[in-house]
PDB file of N, CA and C in Angstrom:
ATOM      1  N   MET A   1       0.797  -1.271  -0.145  1.00  0.00           N
ATOM      2  CA  MET A   1      -0.056  -0.201   0.104  1.00  0.00           C
ATOM      3  C   MET A   1       0.990   1.110   0.034  1.00  0.00           C
ATOM      4  N   THR A   2       0.542   2.092  -0.949  1.00  0.00           N
ATOM      5  CA  THR A   2       1.552   3.430  -0.906  1.00  0.00           C
ATOM      6  C   THR A   2       1.104   4.356   0.279  1.00  0.00           C
ATOM      7  N   ASP A   3       1.822   5.258   0.450  1.00  0.00           N
ATOM      8  CA  ASP A   3       1.555   6.522   1.425  1.00  0.00           C
ATOM      9  C   ASP A   3       0.337   7.036   0.951  1.00  0.00           C
ATOM     10  N   PHE A   4       0.016   7.371  -0.258  1.00  0.00           N
ATOM     11  CA  PHE A   4      -1.268   7.783  -0.731  1.00  0.00           C
ATOM     12  C   PHE A   4      -2.591   7.184  -0.310  1.00  0.00           C
ATOM     13  N   GLN A   5      -2.395   5.978  -0.468  1.00  0.00           N
ATOM     14  CA  GLN A   5      -3.562   4.718  -0.285  1.00  0.00           C
ATOM     15  C   GLN A   5      -3.701   4.963   1.364  1.00  0.00           C
ATOM     16  N   SER A   6      -2.642   4.976   2.065  1.00  0.00           N
ATOM     17  CA  SER A   6      -2.705   4.999   3.550  1.00  0.00           C
ATOM     18  C   SER A   6      -3.439   6.112   4.080  1.00  0.00           C
ATOM     19  N   MET A   7      -3.077   7.231   3.523  1.00  0.00           N
ATOM     20  CA  MET A   7      -3.743   8.480   3.807  1.00  0.00           C
ATOM     21  C   MET A   7      -5.195   8.561   3.611  1.00  0.00           C
ATOM     22  N   LYS A   8      -5.569   7.837   2.410  1.00  0.00           N
ATOM     23  CA  LYS A   8      -6.853   7.621   1.915  1.00  0.00           C
ATOM     24  C   LYS A   8      -7.676   6.978   2.946  1.00  0.00           C
ATOM     25  N   ASN A   9      -7.022   6.201   3.823  1.00  0.00           N
ATOM     26  CA  ASN A   9      -7.573   5.202   4.702  1.00  0.00           C
ATOM     27  C   ASN A   9      -7.554   5.518   6.073  1.00  0.00           C
ATOM     28  N   LEU A  10      -6.998   6.984   6.434  1.00  0.00           N
ATOM     29  CA  LEU A  10      -6.733   7.294   7.650  1.00  0.00           C
ATOM     30  C   LEU A  10      -8.081   7.434   8.371  1.00  0.00           C
ATOM     31  N   SER A  11      -9.302   7.934   7.800  1.00  0.00           N
ATOM     32  CA  SER A  11     -10.319   7.913   8.780  1.00  0.00           C
ATOM     33  C   SER A  11     -10.727   6.614   8.966  1.00  0.00           C
ATOM     34  N   LYS A  12     -10.511   5.636   8.340  1.00  0.00           N
ATOM     35  CA  LYS A  12     -10.891   4.188   8.633  1.00  0.00           C
ATOM     36  C   LYS A  12     -10.284   3.600   9.971  1.00  0.00           C
ATOM     37  N   ALA A  13      -8.616   3.936   9.937  1.00  0.00           N
ATOM     38  CA  ALA A  13      -8.009   3.745  10.752  1.00  0.00           C
ATOM     39  C   ALA A  13      -8.467   4.506  12.175  1.00  0.00           C
ATOM     40  N   ILE A  14      -8.845   5.552  11.947  1.00  0.00           N
ATOM     41  CA  ILE A  14      -9.232   6.563  13.516  1.00  0.00           C
ATOM     42  C   ILE A  14     -10.396   5.838  13.676  1.00  0.00           C
ATOM     43  N   ASP A  15     -11.335   5.632  12.867  1.00  0.00           N
ATOM     44  CA  ASP A  15     -12.512   5.061  13.254  1.00  0.00           C
ATOM     45  C   ASP A  15     -12.540   3.590  14.044  1.00  0.00           C
ATOM     46  N   PHE A  16     -11.501   2.772  13.418  1.00  0.00           N
ATOM     47  CA  PHE A  16     -11.185   1.585  14.010  1.00  0.00           C
ATOM     48  C   PHE A  16     -10.894   1.861  15.632  1.00  0.00           C
ATOM     49  N   ALA A  17      -9.603   2.996  15.460  1.00  0.00           N
ATOM     50  CA  ALA A  17      -9.261   3.064  16.999  1.00  0.00           C
ATOM     51  C   ALA A  17     -10.238   3.571  17.819  1.00  0.00           C
ATOM     52  N   LYS A  18     -11.203   4.452  17.584  1.00  0.00           N
ATOM     53  CA  LYS A  18     -12.193   5.027  18.102  1.00  0.00           C
ATOM     54  C   LYS A  18     -13.131   3.868  18.850  1.00  0.00           C
ATOM     55  N   ARG A  19     -13.350   2.895  17.800  1.00  0.00           N
ATOM     56  CA  ARG A  19     -14.456   1.833  18.265  1.00  0.00           C
ATOM     57  C   ARG A  19     -14.103   0.803  19.316  1.00  0.00           C
ATOM     58  N   ASN A  20     -12.422   0.728  19.259  1.00  0.00           N
ATOM     59  CA  ASN A  20     -12.026  -0.164  19.990  1.00  0.00           C
ATOM     60  C   ASN A  20     -11.601   0.326  21.399  1.00  0.00           C
ATOM     61  N   LEU A  21     -11.343   1.561  21.445  1.00  0.00           N
ATOM     62  CA  LEU A  21     -11.228   2.237  22.524  1.00  0.00           C
ATOM     63  C   LEU A  21     -12.376   2.534  23.385  1.00  0.00           C
ATOM     64  N   LEU A  22     -13.658   2.943  22.664  1.00  0.00           N
ATOM     65  CA  LEU A  22     -14.978   2.781  23.438  1.00  0.00           C
ATOM     66  C   LEU A  22     -15.306   1.517  23.834  1.00  0.00           C
ATOM     67  N   ALA A  23     -14.953   0.407  23.163  1.00  0.00           N
ATOM     68  CA  ALA A  23     -15.201  -0.928  23.450  1.00  0.00           C
ATOM     69  C   ALA A  23     -14.547  -1.250  24.984  1.00  0.00           C
ATOM     70  N   GLY A  24     -13.513  -0.541  25.191  1.00  0.00           N
ATOM     71  CA  GLY A  24     -12.745  -0.887  26.432  1.00  0.00           C
ATOM     72  C   GLY A  24     -11.200  -1.485  26.226  1.00  0.00           C
ATOM     73  N   ASN A  25     -10.829  -1.457  24.946  1.00  0.00           N
ATOM     74  CA  ASN A  25      -9.583  -2.085  24.648  1.00  0.00           C
ATOM     75  C   ASN A  25      -8.692  -0.769  25.124  1.00  0.00           C
ATOM     76  N   LYS A  26      -7.596  -1.089  25.711  1.00  0.00           N
ATOM     77  CA  LYS A  26      -6.697  -0.185  26.260  1.00  0.00           C
ATOM     78  C   LYS A  26      -5.396  -0.204  25.378  1.00  0.00           C
ATOM     79  N   ILE A  27      -5.112  -1.097  24.373  1.00  0.00           N
ATOM     80  CA  ILE A  27      -3.914  -1.048  23.593  1.00  0.00           C
ATOM     81  C   ILE A  27      -4.430  -1.242  22.203  1.00  0.00           C
ATOM     82  N   ILE A  28      -3.832  -0.238  21.285  1.00  0.00           N
ATOM     83  CA  ILE A  28      -4.107  -0.431  19.924  1.00  0.00           C
ATOM     84  C   ILE A  28      -2.617  -0.412  19.395  1.00  0.00           C
ATOM     85  N   LEU A  29      -2.339  -1.430  18.573  1.00  0.00           N
ATOM     86  CA  LEU A  29      -1.203  -1.629  17.855  1.00  0.00           C
ATOM     87  C   LEU A  29      -1.181  -0.935  16.402  1.00  0.00           C
ATOM     88  N   VAL A  30      -0.391  -0.237  16.151  1.00  0.00           N
ATOM     89  CA  VAL A  30      -0.248   0.404  14.712  1.00  0.00           C
ATOM     90  C   VAL A  30       1.099  -0.105  14.234  1.00  0.00           C
ATOM     91  N   CYS A  31       0.917  -0.602  13.070  1.00  0.00           N
ATOM     92  CA  CYS A  31       1.980  -1.092  12.430  1.00  0.00           C
ATOM     93  C   CYS A  31       1.859  -1.381  10.977  1.00  0.00           C
ATOM     94  N   CYS A  32       2.976  -1.362  10.212  1.00  0.00           N
ATOM     95  CA  CYS A  32       2.968  -1.896   8.602  1.00  0.00           C
ATOM     96  C   CYS A  32       3.767  -2.932   8.012  1.00  0.00           C
ATOM     97  N   GLN A  33       3.685  -3.432   7.192  1.00  0.00           N
ATOM     98  CA  GLN A  33       4.495  -4.475   6.582  1.00  0.00           C
ATOM     99  C   GLN A  33       5.740  -4.164   6.532  1.00  0.00           C
ATOM    100  N   ASN A  34       5.984  -2.970   5.889  1.00  0.00           N
ATOM    101  CA  ASN A  34       7.484  -2.818   5.444  1.00  0.00           C
ATOM    102  C   ASN A  34       8.057  -1.402   6.296  1.00  0.00           C
ATOM    103  N   GLY A  35       7.458  -1.020   7.459  1.00  0.00           N
ATOM    104  CA  GLY A  35       8.164  -0.220   8.358  1.00  0.00           C
ATOM    105  C   GLY A  35       8.201   1.257   7.805  1.00  0.00           C
ATOM    106  N   GLU A  36       7.324   1.773   6.926  1.00  0.00           N
ATOM    107  CA  GLU A  36       7.333   3.031   6.314  1.00  0.00           C
ATOM    108  C   GLU A  36       6.860   4.057   7.616  1.00  0.00           C
ATOM    109  N   ASP A  37       7.166   5.315   7.231  1.00  0.00           N
ATOM    110  CA  ASP A  37       6.874   6.278   8.284  1.00  0.00           C
ATOM    111  C   ASP A  37       5.550   6.591   8.450  1.00  0.00           C
ATOM    112  N   ILE A  38       4.740   6.187   7.609  1.00  0.00           N
ATOM    113  CA  ILE A  38       3.328   6.458   7.607  1.00  0.00           C
ATOM    114  C   ILE A  38       2.680   5.866   8.814  1.00  0.00           C
ATOM    115  N   ILE A  39       3.246   4.867   9.504  1.00  0.00           N
ATOM    116  CA  ILE A  39       2.880   4.561  10.965  1.00  0.00           C
ATOM    117  C   ILE A  39       2.824   5.774  11.877  1.00  0.00           C
ATOM    118  N   ILE A  40       3.567   6.566  11.867  1.00  0.00           N
ATOM    119  CA  ILE A  40       3.911   7.744  12.699  1.00  0.00           C
ATOM    120  C   ILE A  40       2.589   8.546  12.385  1.00  0.00           C
ATOM    121  N   CYS A  41       2.295   8.862  11.100  1.00  0.00           N
ATOM    122  CA  CYS A  41       1.191   9.680  10.771  1.00  0.00           C
ATOM    123  C   CYS A  41      -0.036   9.272  11.270  1.00  0.00           C
ATOM    124  N   VAL A  42      -0.408   7.728  11.160  1.00  0.00           N
ATOM    125  CA  VAL A  42      -1.431   7.112  11.636  1.00  0.00           C
ATOM    126  C   VAL A  42      -1.554   7.512  13.054  1.00  0.00           C
ATOM    127  N   SER A  43      -0.548   7.166  13.970  1.00  0.00           N
ATOM    128  CA  SER A  43      -0.412   7.156  15.575  1.00  0.00           C
ATOM    129  C   SER A  43      -0.578   8.720  15.744  1.00  0.00           C
ATOM    130  N   LEU A  44      -0.079   9.435  14.932  1.00  0.00           N
ATOM    131  CA  LEU A  44      -0.382  10.893  15.589  1.00  0.00           C
ATOM    132  C   LEU A  44      -1.914  11.602  15.278  1.00  0.00           C
ATOM    133  N   ALA A  45      -2.283  10.799  14.352  1.00  0.00           N
ATOM    134  CA  ALA A  45      -3.813  11.315  13.918  1.00  0.00           C
ATOM    135  C   ALA A  45      -4.543  10.903  14.883  1.00  0.00           C
ATOM    136  N   ILE A  46      -4.269   9.445  15.356  1.00  0.00           N
ATOM    137  CA  ILE A  46      -5.271   8.912  16.583  1.00  0.00           C
ATOM    138  C   ILE A  46      -4.786   9.651  17.842  1.00  0.00           C
ATOM    139  N   VAL A  47      -3.732   9.858  18.257  1.00  0.00           N
ATOM    140  CA  VAL A  47      -3.402  10.415  19.432  1.00  0.00           C
ATOM    141  C   VAL A  47      -4.062  12.121  19.704  1.00  0.00           C
ATOM    142  N   THR A  48      -3.933  12.661  18.228  1.00  0.00           N
ATOM    143  CA  THR A  48      -4.363  14.035  18.377  1.00  0.00           C
ATOM    144  C   THR A  48      -5.856  13.915  18.364  1.00  0.00           C
ATOM    145  N   LEU A  49      -6.524  13.306  17.726  1.00  0.00           N
ATOM    146  CA  LEU A  49      -7.963  13.210  17.674  1.00  0.00           C
ATOM    147  C   LEU A  49      -8.630  12.720  18.853  1.00  0.00           C
ATOM    148  N   LEU A  50      -8.259  11.663  19.246  1.00  0.00           N
ATOM    149  CA  LEU A  50      -9.060  11.092  20.091  1.00  0.00           C
ATOM    150  C   LEU A  50      -8.478  11.199  21.848  1.00  0.00           C
ATOM    151  N   PHE A  51      -7.400  11.919  22.003  1.00  0.00           N
ATOM    152  CA  PHE A  51      -6.746  11.914  23.277  1.00  0.00           C
ATOM    153  C   PHE A  51      -6.691  13.514  23.609  1.00  0.00           C
ATOM    154  N   ASP A  52      -6.857  13.693  24.817  1.00  0.00           N
ATOM    155  CA  ASP A  52      -6.824  15.194  25.385  1.00  0.00           C
ATOM    156  C   ASP A  52      -5.035  15.575  25.776  1.00  0.00           C
ATOM    157  N   ASP A  53      -4.897  16.520  26.117  1.00  0.00           N
ATOM    158  CA  ASP A  53      -3.358  16.957  26.428  1.00  0.00           C
ATOM    159  C   ASP A  53      -2.928  16.021  27.444  1.00  0.00           C
ATOM    160  N   ASN A  54      -3.770  15.446  28.226  1.00  0.00           N
ATOM    161  CA  ASN A  54      -3.228  14.717  29.380  1.00  0.00           C
ATOM    162  C   ASN A  54      -2.916  13.092  29.042  1.00  0.00           C
ATOM    163  N   GLY A  55      -3.273  12.862  27.617  1.00  0.00           N
ATOM    164  CA  GLY A  55      -3.177  11.369  27.355  1.00  0.00           C
ATOM    165  C   GLY A  55      -4.381  10.561  27.684  1.00  0.00           C
ATOM    166  N   CYS A  56      -5.531  11.538  27.927  1.00  0.00           N
ATOM    167  CA  CYS A  56      -6.657  10.626  28.377  1.00  0.00           C
ATOM    168  C   CYS A  56      -7.806  10.333  27.144  1.00  0.00           C
ATOM    169  N   PHE A  57      -8.240   9.359  26.886  1.00  0.00           N
ATOM    170  CA  PHE A  57      -9.150   8.925  25.699  1.00  0.00           C
ATOM    171  C   PHE A  57     -10.250   9.956  25.889  1.00  0.00           C
ATOM    172  N   ASP A  58     -10.621  10.810  24.929  1.00  0.00           N
ATOM    173  CA  ASP A  58     -12.005  11.688  25.092  1.00  0.00           C
ATOM    174  C   ASP A  58     -12.645  11.783  23.858  1.00  0.00           C
ATOM    175  N   CYS A  59     -12.403  10.924  23.128  1.00  0.00           N
ATOM    176  CA  CYS A  59     -13.427  10.802  21.795  1.00  0.00           C
ATOM    177  C   CYS A  59     -13.633  11.854  21.271  1.00  0.00           C
ATOM    178  N   VAL A  60     -12.557  12.589  20.748  1.00  0.00           N
ATOM    179  CA  VAL A  60     -12.625  13.867  19.933  1.00  0.00           C
ATOM    180  C   VAL A  60     -13.237  15.207  20.557  1.00  0.00           C
ATOM    181  N   HIS A  61     -13.580  15.083  21.937  1.00  0.00           N
ATOM    182  CA  HIS A  61     -14.207  16.265  22.458  1.00  0.00           C
ATOM    183  C   HIS A  61     -13.027  17.417  22.528  1.00  0.00           C
ATOM    184  N   SER A  62     -12.093  17.165  22.988  1.00  0.00           N
ATOM    185  CA  SER A  62     -10.944  18.119  23.147  1.00  0.00           C
ATOM    186  C   SER A  62     -10.312  18.564  21.763  1.00  0.00           C
ATOM    187  N   PHE A  63     -10.350  17.915  20.910  1.00  0.00           N
ATOM    188  CA  PHE A  63     -10.019  18.040  19.643  1.00  0.00           C
ATOM    189  C   PHE A  63     -10.955  19.355  18.864  1.00  0.00           C
ATOM    190  N   MET A  64     -12.137  19.139  19.068  1.00  0.00           N
ATOM    191  CA  MET A  64     -13.026  20.184  18.592  1.00  0.00           C
ATOM    192  C   MET A  64     -13.013  21.368  19.111  1.00  0.00           C
ATOM    193  N   LYS A  65     -12.144  21.593  20.286  1.00  0.00           N
ATOM    194  CA  LYS A  65     -12.072  22.893  21.047  1.00  0.00           C
ATOM    195  C   LYS A  65     -10.917  23.447  20.978  1.00  0.00           C
ATOM    196  N   ARG A  66      -9.937  22.872  19.910  1.00  0.00           N
ATOM    197  CA  ARG A  66      -8.531  23.950  19.737  1.00  0.00           C
ATOM    198  C   ARG A  66      -8.056  23.672  18.447  1.00  0.00           C
ATOM    199  N   ASP A  67      -7.163  24.505  18.054  1.00  0.00           N
ATOM    200  CA  ASP A  67      -6.651  24.570  16.522  1.00  0.00           C
ATOM    201  C   ASP A  67      -5.232  23.768  16.691  1.00  0.00           C
ATOM    202  N   ILE A  68      -5.076  23.168  15.561  1.00  0.00           N
ATOM    203  CA  ILE A  68      -4.249  22.117  15.686  1.00  0.00           C
ATOM    204  C   ILE A  68      -3.089  22.928  14.659  1.00  0.00           C
ATOM    205  N   ALA A  69      -1.870  23.173  15.289  1.00  0.00           N
ATOM    206  CA  ALA A  69      -0.590  23.933  14.797  1.00  0.00           C
ATOM    207  C   ALA A  69       0.403  23.128  15.036  1.00  0.00           C
ATOM    208  N   ARG A  70       1.589  23.666  14.351  1.00  0.00           N
ATOM    209  CA  ARG A  70       2.838  22.785  14.755  1.00  0.00           C
ATOM    210  C   ARG A  70       3.325  22.480  16.016  1.00  0.00           C
ATOM    211  N   LEU A  71       3.049  23.423  16.997  1.00  0.00           N
ATOM    212  CA  LEU A  71       3.642  23.217  18.390  1.00  0.00           C
ATOM    213  C   LEU A  71       2.553  21.991  18.683  1.00  0.00           C
ATOM    214  N   GLU A  72       1.201  22.009  18.397  1.00  0.00           N
ATOM    215  CA  GLU A  72       0.475  20.864  18.908  1.00  0.00           C
ATOM    216  C   GLU A  72       0.813  19.465  18.277  1.00  0.00           C
ATOM    217  N   MET A  73       1.553  19.408  17.377  1.00  0.00           N
ATOM    218  CA  MET A  73       1.931  18.305  16.430  1.00  0.00           C
ATOM    219  C   MET A  73       3.010  17.873  17.261  1.00  0.00           C
ATOM    220  N   THR A  74       4.015  18.936  17.579  1.00  0.00           N
ATOM    221  CA  THR A  74       5.256  18.491  18.399  1.00  0.00           C
ATOM    222  C   THR A  74       5.033  17.934  19.593  1.00  0.00           C
ATOM    223  N   LYS A  75       4.110  18.421  20.225  1.00  0.00           N
ATOM    224  CA  LYS A  75       3.707  17.986  21.759  1.00  0.00           C
ATOM    225  C   LYS A  75       3.468  16.457  21.656  1.00  0.00           C
ATOM    226  N   ARG A  76       2.565  16.230  20.517  1.00  0.00           N
ATOM    227  CA  ARG A  76       1.726  14.951  20.459  1.00  0.00           C
ATOM    228  C   ARG A  76       3.054  14.014  20.175  1.00  0.00           C
ATOM    229  N   LEU A  77       4.022  14.322  19.247  1.00  0.00           N
ATOM    230  CA  LEU A  77       5.063  13.262  18.994  1.00  0.00           C
ATOM    231  C   LEU A  77       5.794  12.891  20.045  1.00  0.00           C
ATOM    232  N   VAL A  78       6.114  14.321  21.162  1.00  0.00           N
ATOM    233  CA  VAL A  78       6.815  13.700  22.139  1.00  0.00           C
ATOM    234  C   VAL A  78       6.214  12.958  23.139  1.00  0.00           C
ATOM    235  N   TYR A  79       4.629  12.990  23.202  1.00  0.00           N
ATOM    236  CA  TYR A  79       3.941  12.223  24.061  1.00  0.00           C
ATOM    237  C   TYR A  79       4.157  10.752  23.515  1.00  0.00           C
ATOM    238  N   ILE A  80       4.204  10.377  22.200  1.00  0.00           N
ATOM    239  CA  ILE A  80       4.298   9.219  21.590  1.00  0.00           C
ATOM    240  C   ILE A  80       5.613   8.634  21.840  1.00  0.00           C
ATOM    241  N   HIS A  81       6.700   9.503  21.753  1.00  0.00           N
ATOM    242  CA  HIS A  81       7.990   9.242  22.036  1.00  0.00           C
ATOM    243  C   HIS A  81       8.181   8.623  23.342  1.00  0.00           C
ATOM    244  N   LEU A  82       7.618   9.561  24.313  1.00  0.00           N
ATOM    245  CA  LEU A  82       7.934   8.925  25.802  1.00  0.00           C
ATOM    246  C   LEU A  82       7.022   7.920  26.114  1.00  0.00           C
ATOM    247  N   GLN A  83       5.868   7.339  25.571  1.00  0.00           N
ATOM    248  CA  GLN A  83       5.162   6.360  25.569  1.00  0.00           C
ATOM    249  C   GLN A  83       5.982   5.185  25.402  1.00  0.00           C
ATOM    250  N   ILE A  84       6.323   5.238  24.001  1.00  0.00           N
ATOM    251  CA  ILE A  84       7.258   4.245  23.528  1.00  0.00           C
ATOM    252  C   ILE A  84       8.536   3.882  24.349  1.00  0.00           C
ATOM    253  N   CYS A  85       9.241   5.035  25.013  1.00  0.00           N
ATOM    254  CA  CYS A  85      10.405   4.833  25.571  1.00  0.00           C
ATOM    255  C   CYS A  85      10.120   4.242  27.054  1.00  0.00           C
ATOM    256  N   SER A  86       8.881   4.561  27.580  1.00  0.00           N
ATOM    257  CA  SER A  86       8.559   3.987  28.818  1.00  0.00           C
ATOM    258  C   SER A  86       8.095   2.581  28.893  1.00  0.00           C
ATOM    259  N   LYS A  87       7.617   1.919  27.610  1.00  0.00           N
ATOM    260  CA  LYS A  87       7.239   0.587  27.400  1.00  0.00           C
ATOM    261  C   LYS A  87       8.477  -0.041  27.111  1.00  0.00           C
ATOM    262  N   CYS A  88       9.607   0.435  26.437  1.00  0.00           N
ATOM    263  CA  CYS A  88      10.934  -0.114  26.246  1.00  0.00           C
ATOM    264  C   CYS A  88      11.726  -0.223  27.370  1.00  0.00           C
ATOM    265  N   THR A  89      11.692   0.679  28.344  1.00  0.00           N
ATOM    266  CA  THR A  89      12.519   0.369  29.711  1.00  0.00           C
ATOM    267  C   THR A  89      11.835  -0.557  30.526  1.00  0.00           C
ATOM    268  N   ALA A  90      10.655  -0.900  30.413  1.00  0.00           N
ATOM    269  CA  ALA A  90       9.668  -1.720  31.302  1.00  0.00           C
ATOM    270  C   ALA A  90      10.014  -3.087  31.049  1.00  0.00           C
ATOM    271  N   ILE A  91      10.469  -3.405  29.824  1.00  0.00           N
ATOM    272  CA  ILE A  91      10.727  -4.863  29.445  1.00  0.00           C
ATOM    273  C   ILE A  91      11.897  -5.169  29.864  1.00  0.00           C
TER     274      ILE A  91
END
């Protein structure tokens, strides 16, 4: 799947994550077959749309109340990085 195809399916990935989080699943694994950078785009979209600034699932509510700018994206990338690092050190 190309990056363009992946981006066309981004809304499906977000809907999938939202449904699973609403169903009570606490972990969603985002991966791809060839390790392309599109994984970060999908992860960032999920974290930005579905979680508040404290990392709590809020089902799009806080997203509707703010403007998304470069600083917001940077904060979300740092959050993802910290979550990954905390999982790696726990192993």
